[in-house]
N, C-alpha and C. Protein backbone atom coordinates (compact mmCIF):
# COMPACT_ATOMS: atom_id res chain seq x y z
N MET A 1 -18.26 -16.86 -71.91
CA MET A 1 -16.87 -16.67 -71.52
C MET A 1 -16.43 -17.82 -70.62
N LYS A 2 -15.25 -18.33 -70.89
CA LYS A 2 -14.74 -19.48 -70.15
C LYS A 2 -14.25 -19.07 -68.76
N HIS A 3 -14.55 -19.88 -67.77
CA HIS A 3 -14.12 -19.65 -66.38
C HIS A 3 -12.63 -19.98 -66.25
N LEU A 4 -11.88 -19.10 -65.60
CA LEU A 4 -10.45 -19.33 -65.40
C LEU A 4 -10.24 -20.37 -64.30
N GLU A 5 -9.39 -21.35 -64.60
CA GLU A 5 -9.12 -22.38 -63.60
C GLU A 5 -8.16 -21.87 -62.52
N TYR A 6 -7.22 -21.03 -62.92
CA TYR A 6 -6.25 -20.48 -61.98
C TYR A 6 -6.32 -18.97 -62.00
N ARG A 7 -6.05 -18.39 -60.84
CA ARG A 7 -6.06 -16.93 -60.69
C ARG A 7 -4.78 -16.48 -60.00
N ILE A 8 -4.53 -15.18 -60.00
CA ILE A 8 -3.40 -14.63 -59.26
C ILE A 8 -3.53 -15.07 -57.81
N ILE A 9 -2.43 -15.51 -57.22
CA ILE A 9 -2.45 -15.99 -55.84
C ILE A 9 -2.61 -14.81 -54.89
N LYS A 10 -3.61 -14.93 -54.00
CA LYS A 10 -3.93 -13.83 -53.08
C LYS A 10 -3.57 -14.13 -51.63
N ASN A 11 -3.39 -15.42 -51.28
CA ASN A 11 -3.10 -15.74 -49.88
C ASN A 11 -2.27 -17.03 -49.80
N LYS A 12 -1.80 -17.32 -48.60
CA LYS A 12 -0.93 -18.47 -48.36
C LYS A 12 -1.64 -19.79 -48.63
N GLU A 13 -2.93 -19.87 -48.30
CA GLU A 13 -3.71 -21.09 -48.56
C GLU A 13 -3.73 -21.41 -50.05
N GLN A 14 -4.05 -20.42 -50.84
CA GLN A 14 -4.10 -20.59 -52.29
C GLN A 14 -2.71 -20.95 -52.82
N TYR A 15 -1.68 -20.30 -52.28
CA TYR A 15 -0.29 -20.58 -52.66
C TYR A 15 0.03 -22.06 -52.41
N ASN A 16 -0.27 -22.54 -51.20
CA ASN A 16 -0.01 -23.95 -50.85
C ASN A 16 -0.78 -24.90 -51.75
N GLU A 17 -2.01 -24.54 -52.06
CA GLU A 17 -2.85 -25.37 -52.93
C GLU A 17 -2.23 -25.48 -54.33
N TYR A 18 -1.80 -24.34 -54.88
CA TYR A 18 -1.19 -24.34 -56.21
C TYR A 18 0.14 -25.10 -56.22
N CYS A 19 0.90 -24.98 -55.14
CA CYS A 19 2.16 -25.72 -55.03
C CYS A 19 1.90 -27.23 -55.05
N LYS A 20 0.87 -27.65 -54.35
CA LYS A 20 0.51 -29.08 -54.30
C LYS A 20 0.06 -29.56 -55.69
N ILE A 21 -0.75 -28.76 -56.36
CA ILE A 21 -1.21 -29.13 -57.70
C ILE A 21 -0.02 -29.25 -58.65
N LEU A 22 0.88 -28.26 -58.59
CA LEU A 22 2.06 -28.28 -59.45
C LEU A 22 2.92 -29.51 -59.15
N GLU A 23 3.13 -29.78 -57.89
CA GLU A 23 3.93 -30.95 -57.50
C GLU A 23 3.31 -32.23 -58.05
N ASP A 24 1.99 -32.37 -57.92
CA ASP A 24 1.31 -33.56 -58.43
C ASP A 24 1.44 -33.69 -59.94
N LEU A 25 1.33 -32.57 -60.65
CA LEU A 25 1.47 -32.59 -62.11
C LEU A 25 2.88 -33.00 -62.53
N VAL A 26 3.87 -32.47 -61.83
CA VAL A 26 5.26 -32.78 -62.17
C VAL A 26 5.58 -34.23 -61.85
N ILE A 27 5.11 -34.71 -60.69
CA ILE A 27 5.37 -36.10 -60.30
C ILE A 27 4.71 -37.08 -61.26
N SER A 28 3.49 -36.74 -61.69
CA SER A 28 2.77 -37.65 -62.60
C SER A 28 3.36 -37.63 -64.01
N GLU A 29 4.28 -36.68 -64.25
CA GLU A 29 4.92 -36.54 -65.56
C GLU A 29 3.89 -36.48 -66.67
N ASN A 30 2.81 -35.76 -66.41
CA ASN A 30 1.74 -35.59 -67.37
C ASN A 30 2.17 -34.59 -68.43
N GLU A 31 2.62 -35.10 -69.56
CA GLU A 31 3.16 -34.24 -70.61
C GLU A 31 2.07 -33.54 -71.42
N SER A 32 0.84 -33.87 -71.17
CA SER A 32 -0.25 -33.21 -71.90
C SER A 32 -0.63 -31.89 -71.25
N MET A 33 0.05 -31.52 -70.16
CA MET A 33 -0.31 -30.30 -69.44
C MET A 33 0.85 -29.31 -69.30
N PRO A 34 1.67 -29.13 -70.32
CA PRO A 34 2.81 -28.21 -70.15
C PRO A 34 2.37 -26.77 -69.90
N ASP A 35 1.27 -26.34 -70.52
CA ASP A 35 0.80 -24.96 -70.32
C ASP A 35 0.32 -24.76 -68.89
N GLU A 36 -0.34 -25.77 -68.35
CA GLU A 36 -0.82 -25.67 -66.97
C GLU A 36 0.36 -25.61 -66.00
N ILE A 37 1.35 -26.43 -66.23
CA ILE A 37 2.55 -26.44 -65.39
C ILE A 37 3.26 -25.09 -65.48
N GLU A 38 3.39 -24.58 -66.69
CA GLU A 38 4.06 -23.29 -66.88
C GLU A 38 3.29 -22.16 -66.20
N LEU A 39 1.96 -22.16 -66.32
CA LEU A 39 1.14 -21.13 -65.69
C LEU A 39 1.26 -21.19 -64.16
N LEU A 40 1.18 -22.39 -63.61
CA LEU A 40 1.32 -22.54 -62.16
C LEU A 40 2.69 -22.06 -61.69
N ASN A 41 3.71 -22.39 -62.45
CA ASN A 41 5.07 -21.92 -62.12
C ASN A 41 5.12 -20.40 -62.08
N LEU A 42 4.54 -19.75 -63.07
CA LEU A 42 4.54 -18.29 -63.11
C LEU A 42 3.79 -17.69 -61.93
N LEU A 43 2.63 -18.24 -61.62
CA LEU A 43 1.83 -17.72 -60.51
C LEU A 43 2.56 -17.90 -59.17
N ILE A 44 3.17 -19.05 -59.00
CA ILE A 44 3.91 -19.34 -57.75
C ILE A 44 5.15 -18.44 -57.65
N GLU A 45 5.87 -18.27 -58.76
CA GLU A 45 7.04 -17.39 -58.75
C GLU A 45 6.64 -15.95 -58.42
N LYS A 46 5.54 -15.50 -58.99
CA LYS A 46 5.06 -14.14 -58.71
C LYS A 46 4.78 -13.98 -57.21
N TRP A 47 4.11 -14.95 -56.61
CA TRP A 47 3.82 -14.90 -55.16
C TRP A 47 5.13 -14.90 -54.37
N ASP A 48 6.05 -15.81 -54.75
CA ASP A 48 7.34 -15.90 -54.05
C ASP A 48 8.09 -14.57 -54.10
N ASN A 49 8.14 -13.97 -55.27
CA ASN A 49 8.87 -12.70 -55.42
C ASN A 49 8.26 -11.59 -54.59
N GLU A 50 6.96 -11.60 -54.43
CA GLU A 50 6.28 -10.53 -53.70
C GLU A 50 6.20 -10.80 -52.19
N ASN A 51 6.25 -12.07 -51.78
CA ASN A 51 5.97 -12.40 -50.38
C ASN A 51 7.09 -13.10 -49.63
N ASN A 52 7.99 -13.70 -50.32
CA ASN A 52 9.08 -14.41 -49.65
C ASN A 52 10.38 -13.68 -49.95
N SER A 53 10.83 -12.91 -49.01
CA SER A 53 12.04 -12.14 -49.23
C SER A 53 13.27 -12.98 -48.92
N LEU A 54 14.05 -13.24 -49.95
CA LEU A 54 15.31 -13.95 -49.77
C LEU A 54 16.34 -13.05 -49.10
N MET A 55 16.01 -11.76 -49.01
CA MET A 55 16.93 -10.80 -48.44
C MET A 55 16.89 -10.81 -46.91
N ASP A 56 16.03 -11.63 -46.33
CA ASP A 56 15.92 -11.67 -44.87
C ASP A 56 16.97 -12.57 -44.22
N ILE A 57 17.58 -13.46 -44.98
CA ILE A 57 18.58 -14.36 -44.41
C ILE A 57 19.92 -14.14 -45.10
N ASP A 58 20.98 -14.45 -44.39
CA ASP A 58 22.30 -14.24 -45.00
C ASP A 58 22.54 -15.28 -46.10
N PRO A 59 23.44 -14.99 -47.03
CA PRO A 59 23.65 -15.85 -48.19
C PRO A 59 24.02 -17.31 -47.84
N ILE A 60 24.73 -17.51 -46.75
CA ILE A 60 25.13 -18.87 -46.40
C ILE A 60 23.93 -19.66 -45.88
N GLU A 61 23.10 -19.04 -45.05
CA GLU A 61 21.88 -19.71 -44.58
C GLU A 61 20.96 -20.00 -45.75
N LEU A 62 20.88 -19.07 -46.70
CA LEU A 62 20.07 -19.29 -47.91
C LEU A 62 20.61 -20.50 -48.68
N LEU A 63 21.91 -20.55 -48.88
CA LEU A 63 22.52 -21.67 -49.59
C LEU A 63 22.23 -22.98 -48.87
N LYS A 64 22.40 -22.99 -47.55
CA LYS A 64 22.14 -24.22 -46.78
C LYS A 64 20.68 -24.66 -46.92
N SER A 65 19.75 -23.71 -46.87
CA SER A 65 18.33 -24.08 -46.98
C SER A 65 18.01 -24.57 -48.38
N LEU A 66 18.61 -23.97 -49.40
CA LEU A 66 18.40 -24.44 -50.77
C LEU A 66 18.98 -25.84 -50.97
N MET A 67 20.11 -26.10 -50.33
CA MET A 67 20.70 -27.43 -50.41
C MET A 67 19.77 -28.46 -49.78
N ILE A 68 19.18 -28.13 -48.64
CA ILE A 68 18.26 -29.04 -47.96
C ILE A 68 17.02 -29.28 -48.83
N GLU A 69 16.44 -28.19 -49.35
CA GLU A 69 15.25 -28.31 -50.20
C GLU A 69 15.49 -29.19 -51.41
N ASN A 70 16.70 -29.14 -51.95
CA ASN A 70 17.02 -29.88 -53.17
C ASN A 70 17.79 -31.17 -52.90
N ASN A 71 17.82 -31.59 -51.63
CA ASN A 71 18.52 -32.82 -51.23
C ASN A 71 19.96 -32.85 -51.74
N LEU A 72 20.66 -31.75 -51.56
CA LEU A 72 22.05 -31.65 -51.99
C LEU A 72 22.98 -31.68 -50.79
N LYS A 73 24.10 -32.33 -50.96
CA LYS A 73 25.14 -32.37 -49.93
C LYS A 73 26.31 -31.53 -50.42
N ALA A 74 27.26 -31.30 -49.54
CA ALA A 74 28.44 -30.51 -49.90
C ALA A 74 29.16 -31.13 -51.10
N LYS A 75 29.21 -32.45 -51.15
CA LYS A 75 29.90 -33.11 -52.27
C LYS A 75 29.19 -32.84 -53.60
N ASP A 76 27.86 -32.63 -53.57
CA ASP A 76 27.12 -32.29 -54.79
C ASP A 76 27.50 -30.87 -55.24
N MET A 77 27.73 -29.99 -54.26
CA MET A 77 28.09 -28.61 -54.58
C MET A 77 29.47 -28.53 -55.23
N VAL A 78 30.34 -29.50 -54.93
CA VAL A 78 31.67 -29.55 -55.55
C VAL A 78 31.51 -29.60 -57.07
N GLU A 79 30.62 -30.47 -57.55
CA GLU A 79 30.41 -30.61 -59.00
C GLU A 79 29.65 -29.42 -59.57
N ILE A 80 28.62 -28.97 -58.86
CA ILE A 80 27.78 -27.87 -59.35
C ILE A 80 28.59 -26.59 -59.51
N LEU A 81 29.44 -26.30 -58.52
CA LEU A 81 30.17 -25.03 -58.50
C LEU A 81 31.60 -25.15 -59.03
N ASP A 82 32.05 -26.38 -59.30
CA ASP A 82 33.40 -26.63 -59.77
C ASP A 82 34.43 -26.06 -58.79
N LEU A 83 34.21 -26.37 -57.50
CA LEU A 83 35.11 -25.95 -56.43
C LEU A 83 35.56 -27.18 -55.66
N SER A 84 36.64 -27.04 -54.91
CA SER A 84 37.12 -28.16 -54.10
C SER A 84 36.21 -28.39 -52.90
N LYS A 85 36.29 -29.58 -52.34
CA LYS A 85 35.51 -29.92 -51.14
C LYS A 85 35.89 -28.99 -49.98
N GLY A 86 37.16 -28.67 -49.87
CA GLY A 86 37.65 -27.79 -48.82
C GLY A 86 37.07 -26.38 -48.96
N THR A 87 37.02 -25.88 -50.18
CA THR A 87 36.47 -24.54 -50.42
C THR A 87 34.98 -24.51 -50.08
N ILE A 88 34.24 -25.53 -50.49
CA ILE A 88 32.81 -25.61 -50.16
C ILE A 88 32.64 -25.62 -48.64
N SER A 89 33.44 -26.40 -47.95
CA SER A 89 33.37 -26.48 -46.50
C SER A 89 33.64 -25.11 -45.86
N LYS A 90 34.67 -24.41 -46.36
CA LYS A 90 35.00 -23.09 -45.82
C LYS A 90 33.86 -22.10 -46.06
N ILE A 91 33.23 -22.16 -47.23
CA ILE A 91 32.10 -21.27 -47.52
C ILE A 91 30.95 -21.57 -46.56
N LEU A 92 30.60 -22.84 -46.43
CA LEU A 92 29.46 -23.24 -45.59
C LEU A 92 29.70 -22.97 -44.10
N ASN A 93 30.98 -22.86 -43.70
CA ASN A 93 31.32 -22.60 -42.30
C ASN A 93 31.75 -21.15 -42.07
N TYR A 94 31.39 -20.27 -43.01
CA TYR A 94 31.65 -18.82 -42.87
C TYR A 94 33.14 -18.48 -42.79
N GLN A 95 33.99 -19.31 -43.35
CA GLN A 95 35.43 -19.04 -43.30
C GLN A 95 35.95 -18.45 -44.61
N LYS A 96 35.14 -18.52 -45.66
CA LYS A 96 35.54 -18.01 -46.97
C LYS A 96 34.32 -17.39 -47.63
N GLY A 97 34.54 -16.26 -48.28
CA GLY A 97 33.45 -15.58 -48.97
C GLY A 97 33.09 -16.26 -50.28
N ILE A 98 31.94 -15.90 -50.80
CA ILE A 98 31.47 -16.44 -52.08
C ILE A 98 31.95 -15.51 -53.19
N SER A 99 32.68 -16.07 -54.15
CA SER A 99 33.20 -15.26 -55.26
C SER A 99 32.07 -14.88 -56.22
N LYS A 100 32.32 -13.89 -57.05
CA LYS A 100 31.32 -13.46 -58.04
C LYS A 100 30.96 -14.60 -58.99
N ASP A 101 31.96 -15.35 -59.40
CA ASP A 101 31.71 -16.48 -60.30
C ASP A 101 30.82 -17.52 -59.62
N THR A 102 31.09 -17.80 -58.35
CA THR A 102 30.28 -18.77 -57.60
C THR A 102 28.86 -18.24 -57.41
N ILE A 103 28.73 -16.94 -57.16
CA ILE A 103 27.40 -16.33 -57.02
C ILE A 103 26.60 -16.54 -58.31
N ARG A 104 27.25 -16.32 -59.45
CA ARG A 104 26.56 -16.52 -60.74
C ARG A 104 26.11 -17.97 -60.90
N LYS A 105 26.99 -18.90 -60.55
CA LYS A 105 26.65 -20.32 -60.69
C LYS A 105 25.51 -20.71 -59.75
N LEU A 106 25.54 -20.21 -58.51
CA LEU A 106 24.46 -20.51 -57.54
C LEU A 106 23.13 -19.96 -58.03
N ALA A 107 23.13 -18.71 -58.48
CA ALA A 107 21.90 -18.07 -58.96
C ALA A 107 21.34 -18.82 -60.16
N SER A 108 22.21 -19.22 -61.05
CA SER A 108 21.77 -19.96 -62.23
C SER A 108 21.22 -21.34 -61.85
N TYR A 109 21.95 -22.05 -61.00
CA TYR A 109 21.52 -23.40 -60.62
C TYR A 109 20.19 -23.40 -59.87
N PHE A 110 20.04 -22.49 -58.89
CA PHE A 110 18.83 -22.46 -58.08
C PHE A 110 17.75 -21.56 -58.67
N LYS A 111 18.07 -20.91 -59.79
CA LYS A 111 17.13 -20.03 -60.49
C LYS A 111 16.57 -18.93 -59.60
N ILE A 112 17.49 -18.24 -58.93
CA ILE A 112 17.12 -17.08 -58.12
C ILE A 112 18.06 -15.94 -58.45
N SER A 113 17.74 -14.77 -57.98
CA SER A 113 18.52 -13.57 -58.26
C SER A 113 19.91 -13.65 -57.64
N GLN A 114 20.90 -13.14 -58.35
CA GLN A 114 22.27 -13.09 -57.83
C GLN A 114 22.33 -12.25 -56.56
N GLU A 115 21.46 -11.25 -56.46
CA GLU A 115 21.47 -10.37 -55.30
C GLU A 115 21.23 -11.12 -53.99
N ALA A 116 20.53 -12.24 -54.06
CA ALA A 116 20.26 -13.03 -52.86
C ALA A 116 21.56 -13.54 -52.23
N PHE A 117 22.57 -13.81 -53.06
CA PHE A 117 23.86 -14.30 -52.55
C PHE A 117 24.90 -13.19 -52.42
N ASN A 118 24.67 -12.06 -53.06
CA ASN A 118 25.65 -10.99 -53.09
C ASN A 118 25.31 -9.90 -52.08
N ARG A 119 25.30 -10.29 -50.81
CA ARG A 119 25.00 -9.36 -49.72
C ARG A 119 26.00 -9.56 -48.59
N PRO A 120 26.18 -8.54 -47.75
CA PRO A 120 27.15 -8.65 -46.65
C PRO A 120 26.75 -9.73 -45.63
N TYR A 121 27.74 -10.42 -45.13
CA TYR A 121 27.56 -11.37 -44.03
C TYR A 121 28.89 -11.54 -43.32
N LYS A 122 28.83 -11.94 -42.06
CA LYS A 122 30.03 -12.07 -41.23
C LYS A 122 30.80 -13.33 -41.57
N LEU A 123 32.11 -13.17 -41.66
CA LEU A 123 33.01 -14.31 -41.82
C LEU A 123 33.70 -14.59 -40.49
N ILE A 124 34.02 -15.85 -40.27
CA ILE A 124 34.80 -16.24 -39.10
C ILE A 124 36.21 -16.47 -39.62
N ASN A 125 37.06 -15.47 -39.47
CA ASN A 125 38.38 -15.54 -40.07
C ASN A 125 39.39 -14.86 -39.14
N THR A 126 40.25 -15.64 -38.53
CA THR A 126 41.23 -15.08 -37.60
C THR A 126 42.45 -14.54 -38.33
N VAL A 127 42.69 -14.94 -39.56
CA VAL A 127 43.89 -14.53 -40.30
C VAL A 127 43.92 -13.02 -40.54
N ASN A 128 42.80 -12.44 -40.95
CA ASN A 128 42.77 -11.01 -41.29
C ASN A 128 42.14 -10.16 -40.20
N ARG A 129 42.23 -10.60 -38.98
CA ARG A 129 41.58 -9.90 -37.87
C ARG A 129 42.08 -8.46 -37.71
N HIS A 130 43.33 -8.18 -38.12
CA HIS A 130 43.90 -6.83 -37.96
C HIS A 130 43.30 -5.83 -38.94
N PHE A 131 42.52 -6.28 -39.93
CA PHE A 131 41.84 -5.36 -40.84
C PHE A 131 40.46 -5.03 -40.29
N ARG A 132 40.14 -3.73 -40.23
CA ARG A 132 38.80 -3.34 -39.83
C ARG A 132 37.83 -3.83 -40.90
N ASN A 133 36.72 -4.39 -40.50
CA ASN A 133 35.68 -4.92 -41.38
C ASN A 133 36.14 -6.15 -42.18
N ALA A 134 37.24 -6.77 -41.81
CA ALA A 134 37.69 -7.95 -42.54
C ALA A 134 36.74 -9.11 -42.37
N SER A 135 35.93 -9.06 -41.32
CA SER A 135 35.00 -10.17 -41.11
C SER A 135 33.71 -10.01 -41.89
N LEU A 136 33.55 -8.89 -42.60
CA LEU A 136 32.35 -8.70 -43.41
C LEU A 136 32.63 -9.05 -44.85
N MET A 137 31.82 -9.93 -45.42
CA MET A 137 31.97 -10.32 -46.82
C MET A 137 31.10 -9.43 -47.68
N ASN A 138 31.55 -9.12 -48.88
CA ASN A 138 30.81 -8.34 -49.87
C ASN A 138 30.58 -6.90 -49.43
N THR A 139 31.55 -6.32 -48.76
CA THR A 139 31.48 -4.89 -48.43
C THR A 139 32.71 -4.24 -49.03
N LYS A 140 32.62 -2.95 -49.27
CA LYS A 140 33.78 -2.22 -49.79
C LYS A 140 34.73 -1.97 -48.64
N LYS A 141 35.99 -2.30 -48.85
CA LYS A 141 36.99 -2.13 -47.80
C LYS A 141 38.05 -1.15 -48.29
N ASP A 142 38.38 -0.19 -47.48
CA ASP A 142 39.47 0.72 -47.76
C ASP A 142 40.70 0.14 -47.06
N MET A 143 41.44 -0.68 -47.75
CA MET A 143 42.52 -1.45 -47.15
C MET A 143 43.67 -0.55 -46.68
N GLN A 144 43.90 0.61 -47.32
CA GLN A 144 45.00 1.48 -46.90
C GLN A 144 44.76 2.05 -45.51
N ASN A 145 43.52 2.36 -45.18
CA ASN A 145 43.20 2.96 -43.91
C ASN A 145 42.73 1.94 -42.87
N SER A 146 42.76 0.67 -43.24
CA SER A 146 42.21 -0.36 -42.34
C SER A 146 43.25 -1.01 -41.46
N VAL A 147 44.53 -0.89 -41.79
CA VAL A 147 45.56 -1.58 -41.02
C VAL A 147 45.72 -0.91 -39.67
N VAL A 148 45.67 -1.74 -38.64
CA VAL A 148 45.84 -1.25 -37.27
C VAL A 148 47.35 -1.22 -36.97
N ASP A 149 47.81 -0.10 -36.47
CA ASP A 149 49.25 0.00 -36.16
C ASP A 149 49.59 -0.97 -35.04
N GLY A 150 50.61 -1.74 -35.23
CA GLY A 150 50.91 -2.77 -34.27
C GLY A 150 52.21 -2.60 -33.70
């Protein structure tokens, strides 16, 4: 029986080792190893899904960290998301929420679950301050009962 070269990842050390191997294979552009690259990707993704919760950080911090990891600037996001520079700036500065269409594009581009971006987070918005919960993005709002009598 043949010895398996790779196994299910059991700890952070093994995870880091497999990430390094995968990185080296991809950088070397070794096209004779597509199965090995695919297997390492699956093992790493399985570890990530089980051990790295994207649900621990708010969607904007997640987006910012993904941009850093992928060497992307706000101007790159303009093309990726087909949004204006001003809209990207407002999203990154918590002044505008992320639309469902933008969530789909982000999830597809970064290859992660839409749920990672579709969670409540605080907005900094003085315009709708008179609405209760207006500063929370991605929450259900009962707008009829939210207006404060002025």
